[in-house]
Amino acid sequence: MRRLLYLAWRYALYHRLRTILLTLSLCLTIAIPVAVHLLTGTIQEALLHRAQGSPFVVGSPGSAADLTVSSLYFEGIALPTFTYGQAETIEAGDLVTAVPLHVKYSTRDFPIVGTTLGYFRQRRLLLHRGSEWERLGDCMLGAEVARELQLGVGDSLVSDSESFLKPVGALPLRMRIRGILAPTGTADDRAVFVHVRTAWLLEGIGHGHDAGLHASEEGGRAGAAHAQLAAAGVQYLEVTEENEGSFHFHGTPDEFPLTAALVFPHDNRSGVIWEGRQQGRADLLTVRPVDVVEQLIDVLLNVQRVVDGIVLALGVIVGVLFTVVVIFSLQLRRDEMRTFQALGASRWLRGQLIICDLLLILLLTPPFTALLTVGLYYAGHPWIERILF
């Protein structure tokens, strides 16, 4: 048998292209569905973990899916108007803790998330370097943001000015980096966190007085002040120790915009009572992210079934091609088999040689399939992280 395997090995090396194609076709047929199932499992686990960490999301009536995706993954989706005053009413009864969210703007294509320090306590986010906000205009970077932009504590970051959501006349904001968050493997790693008051500066409803420029009494709104600064050649707003005291907001804080609020019940009983009270409110949309995510997972599973069907069809095609190649190989080896017969080799021995040839390909398939599966999984994992986080 050892000599037959040696002959089969030499034949495989001589016809290396045939051997590679047969082995690769078998490997791909097995590796693709396995890698897809592994990636699907990773997606499901990540989605559910993020959703389970956010018991409720509250916003203005609209799309539950948009509200969930915007609040959990910081996508810049245009949502119906939701105010800080509405967010404050959520905590009535002392049953829950509401964390405001303002997700509209970005910096170098990373989302700027306006919130409060309560967000970090509820998410159990830790600082890797630096400290928390100290003043208006400070920010903290997620681990991936700091790594990709090569920024650290003490550096600055300017918000993107190209946004269809930004009101006319609102200037970009130069933010001082005060801290870098520890990596979490979630969407928090790819976000820039600011206090919600800093987010309102991005809205253009707050401003400071710089270089002796003041809006007139008639045009004393923040937008007019921003326009006046822009006309004077000021490219962005920046809060410093010298001008911090001059920054102020126009209007009533209860009317200032948010995109949503994350709601964390104090316990299970409080969550049930609070959710029951919310059902009678027509001005707010209360969403359980887990329910929305489970619907998304159902869609994902349907896509997986389609992929499985396609892979099964490809598997049948590969099986047919494999059979055809083997049959042609046997036809090409007729002269070789006649030579073995002339040398006195029995039909059984010749059959064993052919079986060893096919067995060698089958033996090469598992290790290469494992390597290909791991390669496909790790090649697809960063792409999945980009989509999810």
Protein backbone atom coordinates (compact mmCIF):
# COMPACT_ATOMS: atom_id res chain seq x y z
CA MET A 1 0.00 0.00 0.00
CA ARG A 2 2.87 2.35 0.81
CA ARG A 3 4.31 1.87 -2.68
CA LEU A 4 0.93 2.51 -4.23
CA LEU A 5 0.59 5.75 -2.24
CA TYR A 6 4.06 6.76 -3.42
CA LEU A 7 3.06 6.16 -7.05
CA ALA A 8 -0.17 8.13 -6.48
CA TRP A 9 1.85 10.98 -4.93
CA ARG A 10 4.25 11.08 -7.88
CA TYR A 11 1.31 11.08 -10.29
CA ALA A 12 -0.32 13.96 -8.35
CA LEU A 13 2.90 15.97 -8.49
CA TYR A 14 3.32 15.35 -12.21
CA HIS A 15 -0.28 16.44 -12.89
CA ARG A 16 -0.15 19.21 -10.30
CA LEU A 17 -2.63 21.51 -12.05
CA ARG A 18 -5.29 18.77 -12.06
CA THR A 19 -4.55 17.98 -8.41
CA ILE A 20 -4.75 21.64 -7.35
CA LEU A 21 -8.02 22.27 -9.20
CA LEU A 22 -9.70 19.16 -7.79
CA THR A 23 -8.51 19.87 -4.24
CA LEU A 24 -9.40 23.57 -4.40
CA SER A 25 -12.89 22.88 -5.76
CA LEU A 26 -13.61 20.48 -2.89
CA CYS A 27 -12.14 22.91 -0.34
CA LEU A 28 -14.23 25.84 -1.56
CA THR A 29 -17.40 23.76 -1.61
CA ILE A 30 -16.94 22.96 2.07
CA ALA A 31 -15.19 26.12 3.32
CA ILE A 32 -17.64 28.73 1.97
CA PRO A 33 -20.78 27.50 3.79
CA VAL A 34 -18.81 26.84 6.99
CA ALA A 35 -17.29 30.34 6.93
CA VAL A 36 -20.70 31.88 6.18
CA HIS A 37 -22.24 30.08 9.16
CA LEU A 38 -19.39 31.20 11.43
CA LEU A 39 -19.71 34.82 10.30
CA THR A 40 -23.49 34.69 10.67
CA GLY A 41 -23.08 33.42 14.21
CA THR A 42 -20.66 36.26 14.95
CA ILE A 43 -23.13 38.81 13.57
CA GLN A 44 -26.00 37.39 15.61
CA GLU A 45 -23.94 37.35 18.81
CA ALA A 46 -22.72 40.92 18.31
CA LEU A 47 -26.16 42.28 17.45
CA LEU A 48 -27.86 40.57 20.39
CA HIS A 49 -25.14 41.56 22.85
CA ARG A 50 -25.41 45.23 21.89
CA ALA A 51 -29.22 45.14 21.98
CA GLN A 52 -29.38 43.33 25.33
CA GLY A 53 -27.20 46.07 26.83
CA SER A 54 -29.83 48.67 25.86
CA PRO A 55 -33.19 47.72 27.44
CA PHE A 56 -35.18 50.58 25.84
CA VAL A 57 -34.70 53.35 23.30
CA VAL A 58 -37.08 56.31 23.25
CA GLY A 59 -37.55 58.88 20.51
CA SER A 60 -40.21 60.66 18.52
CA PRO A 61 -42.74 58.51 16.61
CA GLY A 62 -41.29 57.10 13.40
CA SER A 63 -39.34 54.06 12.29
CA ALA A 64 -38.37 51.73 15.14
CA ALA A 65 -35.54 50.28 13.05
CA ASP A 66 -34.07 53.72 12.24
CA LEU A 67 -34.29 54.75 15.89
CA THR A 68 -32.56 51.56 17.03
CA VAL A 69 -29.78 51.66 14.43
CA SER A 70 -29.10 55.35 15.07
CA SER A 71 -28.99 54.92 18.86
CA LEU A 72 -27.01 51.67 19.04
CA TYR A 73 -24.67 52.05 16.05
CA PHE A 74 -24.55 55.84 15.68
CA GLU A 75 -25.64 55.96 12.07
CA GLY A 76 -26.44 59.50 10.88
CA ILE A 77 -30.09 58.84 10.10
CA ALA A 78 -32.49 61.77 9.94
CA LEU A 79 -34.99 61.18 12.77
CA PRO A 80 -38.10 63.12 13.81
CA THR A 81 -37.55 65.97 16.24
CA PHE A 82 -36.98 64.87 19.83
CA THR A 83 -36.24 67.36 22.59
CA TYR A 84 -34.30 67.44 25.83
CA GLY A 85 -37.51 68.27 27.66
CA GLN A 86 -39.13 65.07 26.39
CA ALA A 87 -36.11 63.08 27.56
CA GLU A 88 -36.41 64.55 31.05
CA THR A 89 -40.05 63.45 31.36
CA ILE A 90 -38.98 59.84 30.84
CA GLU A 91 -37.44 59.68 34.31
CA ALA A 92 -40.65 60.74 36.05
CA GLY A 93 -41.42 58.26 38.84
CA ASP A 94 -37.76 57.39 39.51
CA LEU A 95 -38.09 53.98 37.83
CA VAL A 96 -35.45 54.39 35.14
CA THR A 97 -32.34 56.31 34.16
CA ALA A 98 -32.54 58.10 30.81
CA VAL A 99 -29.33 58.90 28.93
CA PRO A 100 -29.72 61.54 26.17
CA LEU A 101 -28.21 60.94 22.75
CA HIS A 102 -27.43 63.40 19.99
CA VAL A 103 -26.15 61.64 16.85
CA LYS A 104 -26.13 63.90 13.80
CA TYR A 105 -22.61 65.07 13.03
CA SER A 106 -19.23 63.55 12.34
CA THR A 107 -15.53 64.23 12.30
CA ARG A 108 -13.38 62.61 9.61
CA ASP A 109 -16.34 60.31 8.93
CA PHE A 110 -16.53 59.09 12.53
CA PRO A 111 -19.82 59.85 14.33
CA ILE A 112 -19.89 62.52 17.04
CA VAL A 113 -22.09 61.28 19.88
CA GLY A 114 -23.45 63.89 22.26
CA THR A 115 -24.41 62.40 25.61
CA THR A 116 -23.65 62.61 29.35
CA LEU A 117 -21.28 60.76 31.65
CA GLY A 118 -24.18 58.48 32.54
CA TYR A 119 -23.67 56.78 29.18
CA PHE A 120 -20.22 55.56 30.21
CA ARG A 121 -21.48 54.28 33.55
CA GLN A 122 -24.35 52.37 31.95
CA ARG A 123 -22.15 50.93 29.19
CA ARG A 124 -19.31 50.32 31.67
CA LEU A 125 -16.83 52.07 29.41
CA LEU A 126 -13.39 52.64 30.87
CA LEU A 127 -10.73 55.22 30.08
CA HIS A 128 -7.50 53.90 28.65
CA ARG A 129 -5.71 57.25 28.81
CA GLY A 130 -6.53 60.78 29.87
CA SER A 131 -9.62 61.99 31.72
CA GLU A 132 -13.29 62.84 31.27
CA TRP A 133 -14.61 66.11 29.87
CA GLU A 134 -13.58 69.24 31.70
CA ARG A 135 -15.30 71.96 29.71
CA LEU A 136 -17.46 72.71 26.70
CA GLY A 137 -15.76 71.55 23.50
CA ASP A 138 -13.89 68.60 25.03
CA CYS A 139 -14.22 65.10 23.60
CA MET A 140 -13.23 61.49 24.26
CA LEU A 141 -12.24 59.13 21.46
CA GLY A 142 -13.15 55.50 20.96
CA ALA A 143 -10.18 53.14 20.68
CA GLU A 144 -10.50 52.63 16.92
CA VAL A 145 -10.81 56.37 16.25
CA ALA A 146 -7.62 57.08 18.17
CA ARG A 147 -5.78 54.25 16.42
CA GLU A 148 -6.85 55.10 12.86
CA LEU A 149 -6.38 58.87 13.21
CA GLN A 150 -3.19 58.52 15.28
CA LEU A 151 -4.43 61.02 17.88
CA GLY A 152 -3.84 61.22 21.60
CA VAL A 153 -4.72 63.22 24.69
CA GLY A 154 -4.11 66.93 24.14
CA ASP A 155 -4.59 66.82 20.36
CA SER A 156 -7.49 68.47 18.58
CA LEU A 157 -10.16 67.32 16.16
CA VAL A 158 -12.40 69.48 13.95
CA SER A 159 -15.96 68.43 13.15
CA ASP A 160 -16.93 67.87 9.53
CA SER A 161 -18.58 70.87 7.94
CA GLU A 162 -20.14 68.95 5.03
CA SER A 163 -23.46 67.81 6.46
CA PHE A 164 -26.98 68.23 5.10
CA LEU A 165 -28.15 68.35 8.73
CA LYS A 166 -25.99 71.30 9.69
CA PRO A 167 -27.94 74.59 9.74
CA VAL A 168 -26.83 77.43 7.54
CA GLY A 169 -24.19 79.56 9.23
CA ALA A 170 -23.12 76.96 11.84
CA LEU A 171 -19.34 76.73 12.02
CA PRO A 172 -17.34 73.53 12.54
CA LEU A 173 -16.09 72.99 16.08
CA ARG A 174 -12.50 72.32 17.05
CA MET A 175 -12.62 69.85 19.95
CA ARG A 176 -9.91 69.21 22.51
CA ILE A 177 -9.22 65.50 23.12
CA ARG A 178 -9.28 64.77 26.86
CA GLY A 179 -9.41 60.98 26.93
CA ILE A 180 -9.07 57.73 24.97
CA LEU A 181 -11.52 54.94 25.82
CA ALA A 182 -10.47 51.33 26.28
CA PRO A 183 -11.44 49.03 23.40
CA THR A 184 -14.77 47.23 23.70
CA GLY A 185 -15.28 45.58 20.31
CA THR A 186 -18.52 47.53 19.82
CA ALA A 187 -19.70 50.65 18.00
CA ASP A 188 -18.31 52.71 20.90
CA ASP A 189 -14.80 52.09 19.56
CA ARG A 190 -15.61 54.05 16.39
CA ALA A 191 -17.27 57.09 17.97
CA VAL A 192 -16.19 60.49 19.25
CA PHE A 193 -18.02 61.33 22.48
CA VAL A 194 -18.85 64.87 23.55
CA HIS A 195 -21.16 66.34 26.16
CA VAL A 196 -24.64 66.98 24.84
CA ARG A 197 -24.06 70.73 25.34
CA THR A 198 -21.09 70.50 22.98
CA ALA A 199 -23.36 68.76 20.46
CA TRP A 200 -25.70 71.74 20.68
CA LEU A 201 -22.80 73.97 19.63
CA LEU A 202 -22.63 71.86 16.46
CA GLU A 203 -26.33 72.54 15.96
CA GLY A 204 -25.57 76.25 15.86
CA ILE A 205 -27.78 77.12 18.83
CA GLY A 206 -24.85 78.13 21.00
CA HIS A 207 -21.86 80.37 20.41
CA GLY A 208 -19.22 82.53 22.05
CA HIS A 209 -17.91 86.01 21.29
CA ASP A 210 -14.55 86.12 19.63
CA ALA A 211 -12.28 88.96 18.55
CA GLY A 212 -14.78 91.55 19.73
CA LEU A 213 -17.45 90.34 17.30
CA HIS A 214 -21.00 90.55 18.61
CA ALA A 215 -24.31 89.94 16.94
CA SER A 216 -26.71 92.80 16.90
CA GLU A 217 -29.76 92.73 19.11
CA GLU A 218 -31.93 91.96 16.10
CA GLY A 219 -29.65 89.18 14.87
CA GLY A 220 -28.50 88.01 18.25
CA ARG A 221 -29.31 84.38 17.63
CA ALA A 222 -26.43 81.90 17.50
CA GLY A 223 -26.80 81.36 13.76
CA ALA A 224 -26.34 85.07 13.07
CA ALA A 225 -23.29 85.15 15.34
CA HIS A 226 -21.79 82.18 13.48
CA ALA A 227 -22.43 83.86 10.15
CA GLN A 228 -20.74 87.04 11.41
CA LEU A 229 -17.68 85.07 12.52
CA ALA A 230 -17.55 83.22 9.20
CA ALA A 231 -17.70 86.53 7.33
CA ALA A 232 -14.75 87.71 9.43
CA GLY A 233 -12.68 84.73 8.26
CA VAL A 234 -13.11 82.49 11.31
CA GLN A 235 -13.01 78.90 10.01
CA TYR A 236 -14.19 77.09 13.12
CA LEU A 237 -15.33 77.57 16.70
CA GLU A 238 -12.99 76.70 19.54
CA VAL A 239 -13.60 76.81 23.27
CA THR A 240 -10.54 77.95 25.22
CA GLU A 241 -9.85 78.99 28.78
CA GLU A 242 -10.01 82.62 27.69
CA ASN A 243 -13.37 82.52 25.90
CA GLU A 244 -15.13 79.67 27.74
CA GLY A 245 -17.18 82.09 29.81
CA SER A 246 -18.51 83.86 26.72
CA PHE A 247 -20.18 80.76 25.29
CA HIS A 248 -23.91 80.61 25.81
CA PHE A 249 -27.07 79.18 24.26
CA HIS A 250 -30.16 80.88 22.90
CA GLY A 251 -33.54 79.43 23.76
CA THR A 252 -34.97 77.10 26.38
CA PRO A 253 -32.94 73.92 27.08
CA ASP A 254 -36.15 71.87 27.12
CA GLU A 255 -36.55 72.71 23.43
CA PHE A 256 -32.98 71.79 22.45
CA PRO A 257 -32.74 68.83 20.04
CA LEU A 258 -31.73 65.25 20.70
CA THR A 259 -32.07 62.18 18.49
CA ALA A 260 -33.05 59.67 21.19
CA ALA A 261 -32.64 58.58 24.79
CA LEU A 262 -31.37 55.25 26.08
CA VAL A 263 -33.46 54.06 29.02
CA PHE A 264 -32.06 51.78 31.74
CA PRO A 265 -34.57 50.49 34.35
CA HIS A 266 -33.35 50.23 37.94
CA ASP A 267 -34.60 46.62 38.03
CA ASN A 268 -36.89 44.26 36.12
CA ARG A 269 -40.01 45.30 38.05
CA SER A 270 -39.31 48.98 37.43
CA GLY A 271 -38.85 48.26 33.73
CA VAL A 272 -42.22 46.51 33.45
CA ILE A 273 -44.04 49.32 35.30
CA TRP A 274 -42.32 52.05 33.28
CA GLU A 275 -42.98 50.34 29.94
CA GLY A 276 -46.65 50.01 30.84
CA ARG A 277 -46.89 53.73 31.55
CA GLN A 278 -45.19 54.58 28.25
CA GLN A 279 -47.79 52.75 26.19
CA GLY A 280 -50.25 55.57 26.74
CA ARG A 281 -47.91 58.25 25.34
CA ALA A 282 -48.58 59.15 21.72
CA ASP A 283 -45.79 61.75 21.58
CA LEU A 284 -43.00 59.21 22.12
CA LEU A 285 -41.91 55.96 20.49
CA THR A 286 -40.61 53.35 22.94
CA VAL A 287 -38.62 50.50 21.40
CA ARG A 288 -37.10 47.33 22.78
CA PRO A 289 -33.88 47.03 20.72
CA VAL A 290 -33.84 43.26 21.24
CA ASP A 291 -37.15 42.95 19.38
CA VAL A 292 -35.87 45.03 16.46
CA VAL A 293 -32.57 43.15 16.32
CA GLU A 294 -34.34 39.78 16.34
CA GLN A 295 -36.30 40.92 13.29
CA LEU A 296 -33.05 41.90 11.59
CA ILE A 297 -31.58 38.51 12.49
CA ASP A 298 -34.57 36.79 10.88
CA VAL A 299 -33.77 38.67 7.67
CA LEU A 300 -30.13 37.64 8.05
CA LEU A 301 -31.12 33.99 8.46
CA ASN A 302 -33.22 34.20 5.31
CA VAL A 303 -30.20 35.53 3.45
CA GLN A 304 -28.14 32.70 4.91
CA ARG A 305 -30.66 30.16 3.61
CA VAL A 306 -30.36 31.68 0.14
CA VAL A 307 -26.56 31.47 0.37
CA ASP A 308 -26.83 27.85 1.54
CA GLY A 309 -29.03 27.06 -1.45
CA ILE A 310 -26.54 28.67 -3.83
CA VAL A 311 -23.64 26.81 -2.22
CA LEU A 312 -25.58 23.53 -2.43
CA ALA A 313 -26.12 24.10 -6.15
CA LEU A 314 -22.44 24.89 -6.56
CA GLY A 315 -21.61 21.76 -4.61
CA VAL A 316 -23.65 19.66 -7.02
CA ILE A 317 -21.91 21.34 -9.97
CA VAL A 318 -18.49 20.76 -8.41
CA GLY A 319 -19.40 17.13 -7.76
CA VAL A 320 -20.38 16.65 -11.40
CA LEU A 321 -17.19 18.35 -12.58
CA PHE A 322 -15.14 16.25 -10.19
CA THR A 323 -16.70 13.09 -11.60
CA VAL A 324 -16.10 14.25 -15.17
CA VAL A 325 -12.45 15.06 -14.44
CA VAL A 326 -11.95 11.66 -12.82
CA ILE A 327 -13.54 9.89 -15.81
CA PHE A 328 -11.33 11.81 -18.25
CA SER A 329 -8.31 11.01 -16.09
CA LEU A 330 -9.15 7.32 -16.29
CA GLN A 331 -9.45 7.62 -20.07
CA LEU A 332 -6.05 9.31 -20.25
CA ARG A 333 -4.54 6.60 -18.07
CA ARG A 334 -5.62 3.69 -20.28
CA ASP A 335 -2.14 3.30 -21.77
CA GLU A 336 -0.64 3.44 -18.30
CA MET A 337 -3.04 0.75 -17.06
CA ARG A 338 -2.17 -1.44 -20.07
CA THR A 339 1.50 -1.12 -19.17
CA PHE A 340 0.74 -2.23 -15.61
CA GLN A 341 -1.27 -5.14 -17.01
CA ALA A 342 1.64 -6.14 -19.26
CA LEU A 343 3.90 -6.09 -16.20
CA GLY A 344 1.57 -8.56 -14.50
CA ALA A 345 -0.43 -6.21 -12.26
CA SER A 346 -3.86 -7.57 -11.47
CA ARG A 347 -7.09 -5.64 -12.05
CA TRP A 348 -7.46 -5.26 -8.29
CA LEU A 349 -3.96 -3.73 -8.01
CA ARG A 350 -4.72 -1.30 -10.80
CA GLY A 351 -7.99 -0.38 -9.08
CA GLN A 352 -6.10 0.19 -5.84
CA LEU A 353 -3.75 2.60 -7.63
CA ILE A 354 -6.68 4.65 -8.91
CA ILE A 355 -8.32 4.58 -5.46
CA CYS A 356 -5.05 5.77 -3.86
CA ASP A 357 -4.95 8.65 -6.35
CA LEU A 358 -8.45 9.79 -5.33
CA LEU A 359 -7.76 9.09 -1.66
CA LEU A 360 -4.72 11.35 -1.79
CA ILE A 361 -6.91 14.24 -2.99
CA LEU A 362 -9.44 13.53 -0.24
CA LEU A 363 -6.64 13.47 2.35
CA LEU A 364 -5.35 16.85 1.14
CA THR A 365 -8.84 18.40 1.35
CA PRO A 366 -9.42 18.62 5.18
CA PRO A 367 -6.27 20.59 6.16
CA PHE A 368 -6.58 22.97 3.24
CA THR A 369 -10.31 23.34 3.90
CA ALA A 370 -9.56 24.29 7.51
CA LEU A 371 -6.96 26.87 6.41
CA LEU A 372 -9.32 28.28 3.77
CA THR A 373 -12.20 28.48 6.25
CA VAL A 374 -10.09 30.35 8.79
CA GLY A 375 -8.81 32.65 6.04
CA LEU A 376 -12.32 33.44 4.79
CA TYR A 377 -13.54 34.02 8.35
CA TYR A 378 -10.77 36.44 9.27
CA ALA A 379 -10.98 38.14 5.87
CA GLY A 380 -14.71 38.70 6.37
CA HIS A 381 -14.53 39.65 10.05
CA PRO A 382 -13.18 43.21 9.56
CA TRP A 383 -15.83 43.78 6.91
CA ILE A 384 -18.50 42.58 9.34
CA GLU A 385 -17.10 44.89 12.05
CA ARG A 386 -17.31 47.82 9.64
CA ILE A 387 -20.98 47.05 9.03
CA LEU A 388 -21.87 46.43 12.66
CA PHE A 389 -19.67 48.95 14.45
